[in-house]
């Protein structure tokens, strides 16, 4: 799964590290410095992508929040490793900025 924004990375990382408990949209909004509405939109997009790639489902419970439920433990472990690597690489940089740089480089080399 392609992670295109730091906000998405933070949401996924937070949900992965709290699989036993629910994380509210307010908590995610605070962590990502965005609005609850943005979080709800991002969750819908991420849930679709995770489902389409048979990685996990994002369970939602009213007044409780969200949590990840993996489909296949092996495939989820690989995805979890990928998120960890992204977090290390982009912890202090913007994914969006890096994507712009890669795009420019690809166009220059083409």
PDB file of N, CA and C in Angstrom:
ATOM      1  N   UNK A   1       0.843  -1.177   0.000  1.00  0.00           N
ATOM      2  CA  UNK A   1       0.000   0.000   0.000  1.00  0.00           C
ATOM      3  C   UNK A   1       0.889   1.240   0.000  1.00  0.00           C
ATOM      4  N   UNK A   2       0.548   2.182  -0.820  1.00  0.00           N
ATOM      5  CA  UNK A   2       1.322   3.414  -0.910  1.00  0.00           C
ATOM      6  C   UNK A   2       0.826   4.401   0.141  1.00  0.00           C
ATOM      7  N   UNK A   3       1.748   4.913   0.932  1.00  0.00           N
ATOM      8  CA  UNK A   3       1.428   5.910   1.950  1.00  0.00           C
ATOM      9  C   UNK A   3       1.931   7.244   1.426  1.00  0.00           C
ATOM     10  N   UNK A   4       1.013   8.157   1.141  1.00  0.00           N
ATOM     11  CA  UNK A   4       1.392   9.387   0.479  1.00  0.00           C
ATOM     12  C   UNK A   4       1.481  10.616   1.351  1.00  0.00           C
ATOM     13  N   UNK A   5       1.052  10.503   2.613  1.00  0.00           N
ATOM     14  CA  UNK A   5       1.068  11.682   3.478  1.00  0.00           C
ATOM     15  C   UNK A   5       1.535  11.302   4.876  1.00  0.00           C
ATOM     16  N   UNK A   6       2.229  12.222   5.509  1.00  0.00           N
ATOM     17  CA  UNK A   6       2.672  11.998   6.885  1.00  0.00           C
ATOM     18  C   UNK A   6       1.476  11.737   7.802  1.00  0.00           C
ATOM     19  N   UNK A   7       0.382  12.421   7.543  1.00  0.00           N
ATOM     20  CA  UNK A   7      -0.822  12.256   8.354  1.00  0.00           C
ATOM     21  C   UNK A   7      -1.319  10.818   8.283  1.00  0.00           C
ATOM     22  N   UNK A   8      -1.304  10.236   7.089  1.00  0.00           N
ATOM     23  CA  UNK A   8      -1.736   8.839   6.922  1.00  0.00           C
ATOM     24  C   UNK A   8      -0.791   7.900   7.652  1.00  0.00           C
ATOM     25  N   UNK A   9       0.486   8.197   7.564  1.00  0.00           N
ATOM     26  CA  UNK A   9       1.483   7.387   8.260  1.00  0.00           C
ATOM     27  C   UNK A   9       1.248   7.432   9.771  1.00  0.00           C
ATOM     28  N   UNK A  10       0.979   8.603  10.299  1.00  0.00           N
ATOM     29  CA  UNK A  10       0.730   8.750  11.731  1.00  0.00           C
ATOM     30  C   UNK A  10      -0.536   8.014  12.151  1.00  0.00           C
ATOM     31  N   UNK A  11      -1.574   8.103  11.341  1.00  0.00           N
ATOM     32  CA  UNK A  11      -2.827   7.398  11.646  1.00  0.00           C
ATOM     33  C   UNK A  11      -2.579   5.893  11.688  1.00  0.00           C
ATOM     34  N   UNK A  12      -1.941   5.361  10.654  1.00  0.00           N
ATOM     35  CA  UNK A  12      -1.683   3.920  10.596  1.00  0.00           C
ATOM     36  C   UNK A  12      -0.787   3.465  11.744  1.00  0.00           C
ATOM     37  N   UNK A  13       0.259   4.225  12.014  1.00  0.00           N
ATOM     38  CA  UNK A  13       1.190   3.876  13.088  1.00  0.00           C
ATOM     39  C   UNK A  13       0.466   3.855  14.440  1.00  0.00           C
ATOM     40  N   UNK A  14      -0.368   4.844  14.669  1.00  0.00           N
ATOM     41  CA  UNK A  14      -1.117   4.928  15.927  1.00  0.00           C
ATOM     42  C   UNK A  14      -2.089   3.755  16.055  1.00  0.00           C
ATOM     43  N   UNK A  15      -2.802   3.450  14.985  1.00  0.00           N
ATOM     44  CA  UNK A  15      -3.755   2.337  15.032  1.00  0.00           C
ATOM     45  C   UNK A  15      -3.040   0.998  15.222  1.00  0.00           C
ATOM     46  N   UNK A  16      -1.889   0.836  14.595  1.00  0.00           N
ATOM     47  CA  UNK A  16      -1.135  -0.419  14.729  1.00  0.00           C
ATOM     48  C   UNK A  16      -0.622  -0.599  16.152  1.00  0.00           C
ATOM     49  N   UNK A  17      -0.277   0.482  16.808  1.00  0.00           N
ATOM     50  CA  UNK A  17       0.276   0.389  18.158  1.00  0.00           C
ATOM     51  C   UNK A  17      -0.789   0.386  19.249  1.00  0.00           C
ATOM     52  N   UNK A  18      -2.047   0.365  18.856  1.00  0.00           N
ATOM     53  CA  UNK A  18      -3.121   0.295  19.850  1.00  0.00           C
ATOM     54  C   UNK A  18      -4.219  -0.635  19.346  1.00  0.00           C
ATOM     55  N   UNK A  19      -3.815  -1.792  18.845  1.00  0.00           N
ATOM     56  CA  UNK A  19      -4.773  -2.731  18.248  1.00  0.00           C
ATOM     57  C   UNK A  19      -5.803  -3.252  19.241  1.00  0.00           C
ATOM     58  N   UNK A  20      -5.457  -3.346  20.497  1.00  0.00           N
ATOM     59  CA  UNK A  20      -6.373  -3.879  21.499  1.00  0.00           C
ATOM     60  C   UNK A  20      -7.411  -2.849  21.941  1.00  0.00           C
ATOM     61  N   UNK A  21      -7.102  -1.573  21.776  1.00  0.00           N
ATOM     62  CA  UNK A  21      -8.022  -0.525  22.203  1.00  0.00           C
ATOM     63  C   UNK A  21      -8.401   0.352  21.017  1.00  0.00           C
ATOM     64  N   UNK A  22      -9.474   1.068  21.180  1.00  0.00           N
ATOM     65  CA  UNK A  22      -9.922   1.979  20.136  1.00  0.00           C
ATOM     66  C   UNK A  22      -9.237   3.335  20.300  1.00  0.00           C
ATOM     67  N   UNK A  23      -9.007   3.994  19.168  1.00  0.00           N
ATOM     68  CA  UNK A  23      -8.411   5.332  19.150  1.00  0.00           C
ATOM     69  C   UNK A  23      -9.456   6.267  18.558  1.00  0.00           C
ATOM     70  N   UNK A  24      -9.778   7.325  19.270  1.00  0.00           N
ATOM     71  CA  UNK A  24     -10.822   8.240  18.801  1.00  0.00           C
ATOM     72  C   UNK A  24     -10.317   9.143  17.687  1.00  0.00           C
ATOM     73  N   UNK A  25     -11.251   9.671  16.921  1.00  0.00           N
ATOM     74  CA  UNK A  25     -10.874  10.600  15.850  1.00  0.00           C
ATOM     75  C   UNK A  25     -10.297  11.879  16.451  1.00  0.00           C
ATOM     76  N   UNK A  26     -10.731  12.243  17.657  1.00  0.00           N
ATOM     77  CA  UNK A  26     -10.173  13.415  18.336  1.00  0.00           C
ATOM     78  C   UNK A  26      -8.701  13.194  18.682  1.00  0.00           C
ATOM     79  N   UNK A  27      -8.373  11.988  19.165  1.00  0.00           N
ATOM     80  CA  UNK A  27      -6.977  11.680  19.486  1.00  0.00           C
ATOM     81  C   UNK A  27      -6.109  11.711  18.229  1.00  0.00           C
ATOM     82  N   UNK A  28      -6.629  11.137  17.141  1.00  0.00           N
ATOM     83  CA  UNK A  28      -5.882  11.128  15.876  1.00  0.00           C
ATOM     84  C   UNK A  28      -5.721  12.548  15.332  1.00  0.00           C
ATOM     85  N   UNK A  29      -6.763  13.356  15.462  1.00  0.00           N
ATOM     86  CA  UNK A  29      -6.695  14.748  14.995  1.00  0.00           C
ATOM     87  C   UNK A  29      -5.629  15.513  15.772  1.00  0.00           C
ATOM     88  N   UNK A  30      -5.564  15.265  17.069  1.00  0.00           N
ATOM     89  CA  UNK A  30      -4.562  15.941  17.893  1.00  0.00           C
ATOM     90  C   UNK A  30      -3.152  15.509  17.493  1.00  0.00           C
ATOM     91  N   UNK A  31      -2.954  14.208  17.264  1.00  0.00           N
ATOM     92  CA  UNK A  31      -1.626  13.701  16.889  1.00  0.00           C
ATOM     93  C   UNK A  31      -1.177  14.235  15.537  1.00  0.00           C
ATOM     94  N   UNK A  32      -2.118  14.400  14.623  1.00  0.00           N
ATOM     95  CA  UNK A  32      -1.774  14.822  13.261  1.00  0.00           C
ATOM     96  C   UNK A  32      -1.928  16.320  13.042  1.00  0.00           C
ATOM     97  N   UNK A  33      -2.392  17.021  14.070  1.00  0.00           N
ATOM     98  CA  UNK A  33      -2.650  18.456  13.974  1.00  0.00           C
ATOM     99  C   UNK A  33      -3.586  18.776  12.808  1.00  0.00           C
ATOM    100  N   UNK A  34      -4.667  18.029  12.736  1.00  0.00           N
ATOM    101  CA  UNK A  34      -5.671  18.256  11.701  1.00  0.00           C
ATOM    102  C   UNK A  34      -7.051  18.208  12.340  1.00  0.00           C
ATOM    103  N   UNK A  35      -8.073  18.365  11.530  1.00  0.00           N
ATOM    104  CA  UNK A  35      -9.438  18.379  12.060  1.00  0.00           C
ATOM    105  C   UNK A  35     -10.005  16.964  12.141  1.00  0.00           C
ATOM    106  N   UNK A  36     -11.034  16.816  12.944  1.00  0.00           N
ATOM    107  CA  UNK A  36     -11.726  15.524  13.074  1.00  0.00           C
ATOM    108  C   UNK A  36     -12.328  15.138  11.726  1.00  0.00           C
ATOM    109  N   UNK A  37     -12.847  16.104  11.014  1.00  0.00           N
ATOM    110  CA  UNK A  37     -13.431  15.846   9.691  1.00  0.00           C
ATOM    111  C   UNK A  37     -12.379  15.280   8.725  1.00  0.00           C
ATOM    112  N   UNK A  38     -11.178  15.840   8.766  1.00  0.00           N
ATOM    113  CA  UNK A  38     -10.082  15.347   7.925  1.00  0.00           C
ATOM    114  C   UNK A  38      -9.731  13.913   8.303  1.00  0.00           C
ATOM    115  N   UNK A  39      -9.685  13.632   9.602  1.00  0.00           N
ATOM    116  CA  UNK A  39      -9.380  12.278  10.068  1.00  0.00           C
ATOM    117  C   UNK A  39     -10.423  11.293   9.561  1.00  0.00           C
ATOM    118  N   UNK A  40     -11.680  11.655   9.660  1.00  0.00           N
ATOM    119  CA  UNK A  40     -12.752  10.752   9.212  1.00  0.00           C
ATOM    120  C   UNK A  40     -12.639  10.480   7.717  1.00  0.00           C
ATOM    121  N   UNK A  41     -12.291  11.492   6.964  1.00  0.00           N
ATOM    122  CA  UNK A  41     -12.088  11.332   5.528  1.00  0.00           C
ATOM    123  C   UNK A  41     -10.885  10.422   5.242  1.00  0.00           C
ATOM    124  N   UNK A  42      -9.795  10.653   5.973  1.00  0.00           N
ATOM    125  CA  UNK A  42      -8.589   9.837   5.806  1.00  0.00           C
ATOM    126  C   UNK A  42      -8.860   8.385   6.193  1.00  0.00           C
ATOM    127  N   UNK A  43      -9.589   8.176   7.272  1.00  0.00           N
ATOM    128  CA  UNK A  43      -9.911   6.815   7.721  1.00  0.00           C
ATOM    129  C   UNK A  43     -10.694   6.086   6.638  1.00  0.00           C
ATOM    130  N   UNK A  44     -11.660   6.753   6.030  1.00  0.00           N
ATOM    131  CA  UNK A  44     -12.445   6.130   4.963  1.00  0.00           C
ATOM    132  C   UNK A  44     -11.549   5.729   3.791  1.00  0.00           C
ATOM    133  N   UNK A  45     -10.625   6.605   3.408  1.00  0.00           N
ATOM    134  CA  UNK A  45      -9.710   6.320   2.309  1.00  0.00           C
ATOM    135  C   UNK A  45      -8.766   5.166   2.672  1.00  0.00           C
ATOM    136  N   UNK A  46      -8.175   5.233   3.873  1.00  0.00           N
ATOM    137  CA  UNK A  46      -7.248   4.187   4.309  1.00  0.00           C
ATOM    138  C   UNK A  46      -7.950   2.847   4.469  1.00  0.00           C
ATOM    139  N   UNK A  47      -9.169   2.872   4.988  1.00  0.00           N
ATOM    140  CA  UNK A  47      -9.924   1.620   5.159  1.00  0.00           C
ATOM    141  C   UNK A  47     -10.158   0.945   3.811  1.00  0.00           C
ATOM    142  N   UNK A  48     -10.499   1.735   2.806  1.00  0.00           N
ATOM    143  CA  UNK A  48     -10.705   1.180   1.471  1.00  0.00           C
ATOM    144  C   UNK A  48      -9.427   0.589   0.900  1.00  0.00           C
ATOM    145  N   UNK A  49      -8.318   1.295   1.050  1.00  0.00           N
ATOM    146  CA  UNK A  49      -7.038   0.810   0.528  1.00  0.00           C
ATOM    147  C   UNK A  49      -6.588  -0.457   1.256  1.00  0.00           C
ATOM    148  N   UNK A  50      -6.731  -0.477   2.574  1.00  0.00           N
ATOM    149  CA  UNK A  50      -6.346  -1.670   3.348  1.00  0.00           C
ATOM    150  C   UNK A  50      -7.213  -2.869   2.981  1.00  0.00           C
ATOM    151  N   UNK A  51      -8.496  -2.623   2.794  1.00  0.00           N
ATOM    152  CA  UNK A  51      -9.425  -3.689   2.421  1.00  0.00           C
ATOM    153  C   UNK A  51      -9.127  -4.198   1.014  1.00  0.00           C
ATOM    154  N   UNK A  52      -8.879  -3.284   0.084  1.00  0.00           N
ATOM    155  CA  UNK A  52      -8.604  -3.663  -1.303  1.00  0.00           C
ATOM    156  C   UNK A  52      -7.348  -4.523  -1.424  1.00  0.00           C
ATOM    157  N   UNK A  53      -6.382  -4.282  -0.555  1.00  0.00           N
ATOM    158  CA  UNK A  53      -5.131  -5.038  -0.604  1.00  0.00           C
ATOM    159  C   UNK A  53      -5.112  -6.209   0.380  1.00  0.00           C
ATOM    160  N   UNK A  54      -6.279  -6.499   0.962  1.00  0.00           N
ATOM    161  CA  UNK A  54      -6.438  -7.626   1.900  1.00  0.00           C
ATOM    162  C   UNK A  54      -5.429  -7.589   3.050  1.00  0.00           C
ATOM    163  N   UNK A  55      -5.204  -6.406   3.579  1.00  0.00           N
ATOM    164  CA  UNK A  55      -4.268  -6.246   4.688  1.00  0.00           C
ATOM    165  C   UNK A  55      -5.009  -6.253   6.018  1.00  0.00           C
ATOM    166  N   UNK A  56      -6.017  -5.389   6.117  1.00  0.00           N
ATOM    167  CA  UNK A  56      -6.752  -5.261   7.375  1.00  0.00           C
ATOM    168  C   UNK A  56      -8.054  -4.504   7.132  1.00  0.00           C
ATOM    169  N   UNK A  57      -8.863  -4.496   8.153  1.00  0.00           N
ATOM    170  CA  UNK A  57     -10.076  -3.686   8.142  1.00  0.00           C
ATOM    171  C   UNK A  57      -9.955  -2.704   9.308  1.00  0.00           C
ATOM    172  N   UNK A  58     -10.441  -1.502   9.101  1.00  0.00           N
ATOM    173  CA  UNK A  58     -10.473  -0.533  10.196  1.00  0.00           C
ATOM    174  C   UNK A  58     -11.873  -0.608  10.783  1.00  0.00           C
ATOM    175  N   UNK A  59     -11.945  -1.139  11.994  1.00  0.00           N
ATOM    176  CA  UNK A  59     -13.234  -1.257  12.685  1.00  0.00           C
ATOM    177  C   UNK A  59     -13.545   0.088  13.333  1.00  0.00           C
ATOM    178  N   UNK A  60     -14.795   0.484  13.231  1.00  0.00           N
ATOM    179  CA  UNK A  60     -15.226   1.752  13.801  1.00  0.00           C
ATOM    180  C   UNK A  60     -16.377   1.480  14.764  1.00  0.00           C
ATOM    181  N   UNK A  61     -16.279   2.042  15.956  1.00  0.00           N
ATOM    182  CA  UNK A  61     -17.362   1.947  16.936  1.00  0.00           C
ATOM    183  C   UNK A  61     -17.721   3.345  17.395  1.00  0.00           C
ATOM    184  N   UNK A  62     -18.989   3.650  17.265  1.00  0.00           N
ATOM    185  CA  UNK A  62     -19.480   4.970  17.641  1.00  0.00           C
ATOM    186  C   UNK A  62     -19.111   5.286  19.096  1.00  0.00           C
ATOM    187  N   UNK A  63     -18.643   6.469  19.311  1.00  0.00           N
ATOM    188  CA  UNK A  63     -18.241   6.985  20.627  1.00  0.00           C
ATOM    189  C   UNK A  63     -17.006   6.300  21.205  1.00  0.00           C
ATOM    190  N   UNK A  64     -16.371   5.404  20.445  1.00  0.00           N
ATOM    191  CA  UNK A  64     -15.145   4.754  20.915  1.00  0.00           C
ATOM    192  C   UNK A  64     -13.967   5.049  20.003  1.00  0.00           C
ATOM    193  N   UNK A  65     -14.188   4.966  18.694  1.00  0.00           N
ATOM    194  CA  UNK A  65     -13.114   5.261  17.754  1.00  0.00           C
ATOM    195  C   UNK A  65     -12.847   4.145  16.779  1.00  0.00           C
ATOM    196  N   UNK A  66     -11.560   3.964  16.449  1.00  0.00           N
ATOM    197  CA  UNK A  66     -11.134   3.047  15.407  1.00  0.00           C
ATOM    198  C   UNK A  66     -10.068   2.093  15.930  1.00  0.00           C
ATOM    199  N   UNK A  67      -9.997   0.927  15.293  1.00  0.00           N
ATOM    200  CA  UNK A  67      -8.902  -0.003  15.530  1.00  0.00           C
ATOM    201  C   UNK A  67      -8.710  -0.865  14.295  1.00  0.00           C
ATOM    202  N   UNK A  68      -7.497  -1.374  14.134  1.00  0.00           N
ATOM    203  CA  UNK A  68      -7.153  -2.227  13.000  1.00  0.00           C
ATOM    204  C   UNK A  68      -7.384  -3.686  13.347  1.00  0.00           C
ATOM    205  N   UNK A  69      -7.971  -4.414  12.404  1.00  0.00           N
ATOM    206  CA  UNK A  69      -8.130  -5.862  12.551  1.00  0.00           C
ATOM    207  C   UNK A  69      -7.511  -6.503  11.302  1.00  0.00           C
ATOM    208  N   UNK A  70      -6.376  -7.184  11.470  1.00  0.00           N
ATOM    209  CA  UNK A  70      -5.682  -7.788  10.322  1.00  0.00           C
ATOM    210  C   UNK A  70      -6.485  -8.941   9.708  1.00  0.00           C
ATOM    211  N   UNK A  71      -6.352  -9.089   8.387  1.00  0.00           N
ATOM    212  CA  UNK A  71      -6.943 -10.237   7.693  1.00  0.00           C
ATOM    213  C   UNK A  71      -6.027 -11.453   7.834  1.00  0.00           C
ATOM    214  N   UNK A  72      -4.779 -11.277   7.411  1.00  0.00           N
ATOM    215  CA  UNK A  72      -3.791 -12.357   7.409  1.00  0.00           C
ATOM    216  C   UNK A  72      -2.583 -11.900   8.225  1.00  0.00           C
ATOM    217  N   UNK A  73      -2.255 -12.617   9.303  1.00  0.00           N
ATOM    218  CA  UNK A  73      -1.147 -12.177  10.166  1.00  0.00           C
ATOM    219  C   UNK A  73       0.188 -11.990   9.439  1.00  0.00           C
ATOM    220  N   UNK A  74       0.510 -12.862   8.489  1.00  0.00           N
ATOM    221  CA  UNK A  74       1.781 -12.734   7.762  1.00  0.00           C
ATOM    222  C   UNK A  74       1.795 -11.494   6.878  1.00  0.00           C
ATOM    223  N   UNK A  75       0.731 -11.290   6.151  1.00  0.00           N
ATOM    224  CA  UNK A  75       0.656 -10.124   5.274  1.00  0.00           C
ATOM    225  C   UNK A  75       0.624  -8.838   6.104  1.00  0.00           C
ATOM    226  N   UNK A  76      -0.061  -8.883   7.239  1.00  0.00           N
ATOM    227  CA  UNK A  76      -0.115  -7.714   8.102  1.00  0.00           C
ATOM    228  C   UNK A  76       1.256  -7.412   8.692  1.00  0.00           C
ATOM    229  N   UNK A  77       2.007  -8.438   9.037  1.00  0.00           N
ATOM    230  CA  UNK A  77       3.355  -8.245   9.586  1.00  0.00           C
ATOM    231  C   UNK A  77       4.249  -7.547   8.567  1.00  0.00           C
ATOM    232  N   UNK A  78       4.135  -7.931   7.304  1.00  0.00           N
ATOM    233  CA  UNK A  78       4.919  -7.285   6.248  1.00  0.00           C
ATOM    234  C   UNK A  78       4.504  -5.819   6.098  1.00  0.00           C
ATOM    235  N   UNK A  79       3.202  -5.568   6.160  1.00  0.00           N
ATOM    236  CA  UNK A  79       2.705  -4.195   6.072  1.00  0.00           C
ATOM    237  C   UNK A  79       3.175  -3.374   7.266  1.00  0.00           C
ATOM    238  N   UNK A  80       3.123  -3.972   8.444  1.00  0.00           N
ATOM    239  CA  UNK A  80       3.560  -3.301   9.669  1.00  0.00           C
ATOM    240  C   UNK A  80       5.040  -2.911   9.581  1.00  0.00           C
ATOM    241  N   UNK A  81       5.842  -3.806   9.017  1.00  0.00           N
ATOM    242  CA  UNK A  81       7.270  -3.519   8.826  1.00  0.00           C
ATOM    243  C   UNK A  81       7.454  -2.342   7.871  1.00  0.00           C
ATOM    244  N   UNK A  82       6.649  -2.319   6.816  1.00  0.00           N
ATOM    245  CA  UNK A  82       6.711  -1.227   5.850  1.00  0.00           C
ATOM    246  C   UNK A  82       6.368   0.114   6.514  1.00  0.00           C
ATOM    247  N   UNK A  83       5.356   0.118   7.362  1.00  0.00           N
ATOM    248  CA  UNK A  83       4.975   1.345   8.064  1.00  0.00           C
ATOM    249  C   UNK A  83       6.093   1.782   9.006  1.00  0.00           C
ATOM    250  N   UNK A  84       6.726   0.827   9.667  1.00  0.00           N
ATOM    251  CA  UNK A  84       7.837   1.144  10.563  1.00  0.00           C
ATOM    252  C   UNK A  84       8.990   1.797   9.781  1.00  0.00           C
ATOM    253  N   UNK A  85       9.286   1.249   8.623  1.00  0.00           N
ATOM    254  CA  UNK A  85      10.360   1.798   7.784  1.00  0.00           C
ATOM    255  C   UNK A  85      10.007   3.215   7.330  1.00  0.00           C
ATOM    256  N   UNK A  86       8.762   3.409   6.888  1.00  0.00           N
ATOM    257  CA  UNK A  86       8.314   4.749   6.496  1.00  0.00           C
ATOM    258  C   UNK A  86       8.458   5.722   7.660  1.00  0.00           C
ATOM    259  N   UNK A  87       8.094   5.269   8.812  1.00  0.00           N
ATOM    260  CA  UNK A  87       8.164   6.141  10.001  1.00  0.00           C
ATOM    261  C   UNK A  87       9.612   6.561  10.280  1.00  0.00           C
ATOM    262  N   UNK A  88      10.525   5.625  10.161  1.00  0.00           N
ATOM    263  CA  UNK A  88      11.943   5.937  10.373  1.00  0.00           C
ATOM    264  C   UNK A  88      12.441   6.917   9.305  1.00  0.00           C
ATOM    265  N   UNK A  89      12.090   6.649   8.057  1.00  0.00           N
ATOM    266  CA  UNK A  89      12.567   7.489   6.956  1.00  0.00           C
ATOM    267  C   UNK A  89      11.974   8.894   6.972  1.00  0.00           C
ATOM    268  N   UNK A  90      10.699   9.003   7.348  1.00  0.00           N
ATOM    269  CA  UNK A  90      10.003  10.280   7.219  1.00  0.00           C
ATOM    270  C   UNK A  90       9.630  10.918   8.545  1.00  0.00           C
ATOM    271  N   UNK A  91      10.236  10.452   9.626  1.00  0.00           N
ATOM    272  CA  UNK A  91       9.888  10.977  10.937  1.00  0.00           C
ATOM    273  C   UNK A  91      10.092  12.489  11.022  1.00  0.00           C
ATOM    274  N   UNK A  92      11.149  12.984  10.410  1.00  0.00           N
ATOM    275  CA  UNK A  92      11.442  14.412  10.503  1.00  0.00           C
ATOM    276  C   UNK A  92      11.324  15.115   9.150  1.00  0.00           C
ATOM    277  N   UNK A  93      10.779  14.412   8.161  1.00  0.00           N
ATOM    278  CA  UNK A  93      10.604  14.988   6.828  1.00  0.00           C
ATOM    279  C   UNK A  93       9.171  14.769   6.378  1.00  0.00           C
ATOM    280  N   UNK A  94       8.759  15.560   5.468  1.00  0.00           N
ATOM    281  CA  UNK A  94       7.432  15.436   4.899  1.00  0.00           C
ATOM    282  C   UNK A  94       7.463  14.430   3.740  1.00  0.00           C
ATOM    283  N   UNK A  95       6.559  13.466   3.787  1.00  0.00           N
ATOM    284  CA  UNK A  95       6.439  12.520   2.674  1.00  0.00           C
ATOM    285  C   UNK A  95       6.076  13.279   1.405  1.00  0.00           C
ATOM    286  N   UNK A  96       5.187  14.270   1.558  1.00  0.00           N
ATOM    287  CA  UNK A  96       4.747  15.051   0.408  1.00  0.00           C
ATOM    288  C   UNK A  96       5.933  15.742  -0.270  1.00  0.00           C
ATOM    289  N   UNK A  97       6.826  16.315   0.535  1.00  0.00           N
ATOM    290  CA  UNK A  97       7.998  16.996  -0.009  1.00  0.00           C
ATOM    291  C   UNK A  97       8.924  16.005  -0.708  1.00  0.00           C
ATOM    292  N   UNK A  98       9.127  14.850  -0.108  1.00  0.00           N
ATOM    293  CA  UNK A  98       9.973  13.824  -0.720  1.00  0.00           C
ATOM    294  C   UNK A  98       9.359  13.327  -2.030  1.00  0.00           C
ATOM    295  N   UNK A  99       8.033  13.172  -2.058  1.00  0.00           N
ATOM    296  CA  UNK A  99       7.369  12.751  -3.295  1.00  0.00           C
ATOM    297  C   UNK A  99       7.556  13.789  -4.395  1.00  0.00           C
ATOM    298  N   UNK A 100       7.494  15.068  -4.037  1.00  0.00           N
ATOM    299  CA  UNK A 100       7.728  16.132  -5.025  1.00  0.00           C
ATOM    300  C   UNK A 100       9.138  16.045  -5.587  1.00  0.00           C
ATOM    301  N   UNK A 101      10.105  15.836  -4.709  1.00  0.00           N
ATOM    302  CA  UNK A 101      11.497  15.733  -5.149  1.00  0.00           C
ATOM    303  C   UNK A 101      11.697  14.528  -6.066  1.00  0.00           C
ATOM    304  N   UNK A 102      11.100  13.401  -5.701  1.00  0.00           N
ATOM    305  CA  UNK A 102      11.210  12.207  -6.544  1.00  0.00           C
ATOM    306  C   UNK A 102      10.572  12.440  -7.910  1.00  0.00           C
ATOM    307  N   UNK A 103       9.433  13.114  -7.934  1.00  0.00           N
ATOM    308  CA  UNK A 103       8.765  13.423  -9.183  1.00  0.00           C
ATOM    309  C   UNK A 103       9.645  14.286 -10.082  1.00  0.00           C
ATOM    310  N   UNK A 104      10.245  15.305  -9.503  1.00  0.00           N
ATOM    311  CA  UNK A 104      11.141  16.186 -10.263  1.00  0.00           C
ATOM    312  C   UNK A 104      12.344  15.415 -10.794  1.00  0.00           C
ATOM    313  N   UNK A 105      12.942  14.576  -9.962  1.00  0.00           N
ATOM    314  CA  UNK A 105      14.080  13.780 -10.394  1.00  0.00           C
ATOM    315  C   UNK A 105      13.710  12.830 -11.523  1.00  0.00           C
ATOM    316  N   UNK A 106      12.550  12.186 -11.404  1.00  0.00           N
ATOM    317  CA  UNK A 106      12.114  11.256 -12.444  1.00  0.00           C
ATOM    318  C   UNK A 106      11.913  11.988 -13.761  1.00  0.00           C
ATOM    319  N   UNK A 107      11.351  13.183 -13.711  1.00  0.00           N
ATOM    320  CA  UNK A 107      11.138  13.955 -14.937  1.00  0.00           C
ATOM    321  C   UNK A 107      12.453  14.442 -15.531  1.00  0.00           C
ATOM    322  N   UNK A 108      13.424  14.763 -14.685  1.00  0.00           N
ATOM    323  CA  UNK A 108      14.724  15.206 -15.163  1.00  0.00           C
ATOM    324  C   UNK A 108      15.480  14.062 -15.822  1.00  0.00           C
ATOM    325  N   UNK A 109      15.331  12.855 -15.290  1.00  0.00           N
ATOM    326  CA  UNK A 109      16.048  11.696 -15.813  1.00  0.00           C
ATOM    327  C   UNK A 109      15.368  11.070 -17.028  1.00  0.00           C
ATOM    328  N   UNK A 110      14.115  11.380 -17.228  1.00  0.00           N
ATOM    329  CA  UNK A 110      13.376  10.778 -18.353  1.00  0.00           C
ATOM    330  C   UNK A 110      13.728  11.382 -19.679  1.00  0.00           C
TER     331      UNK A 110
END
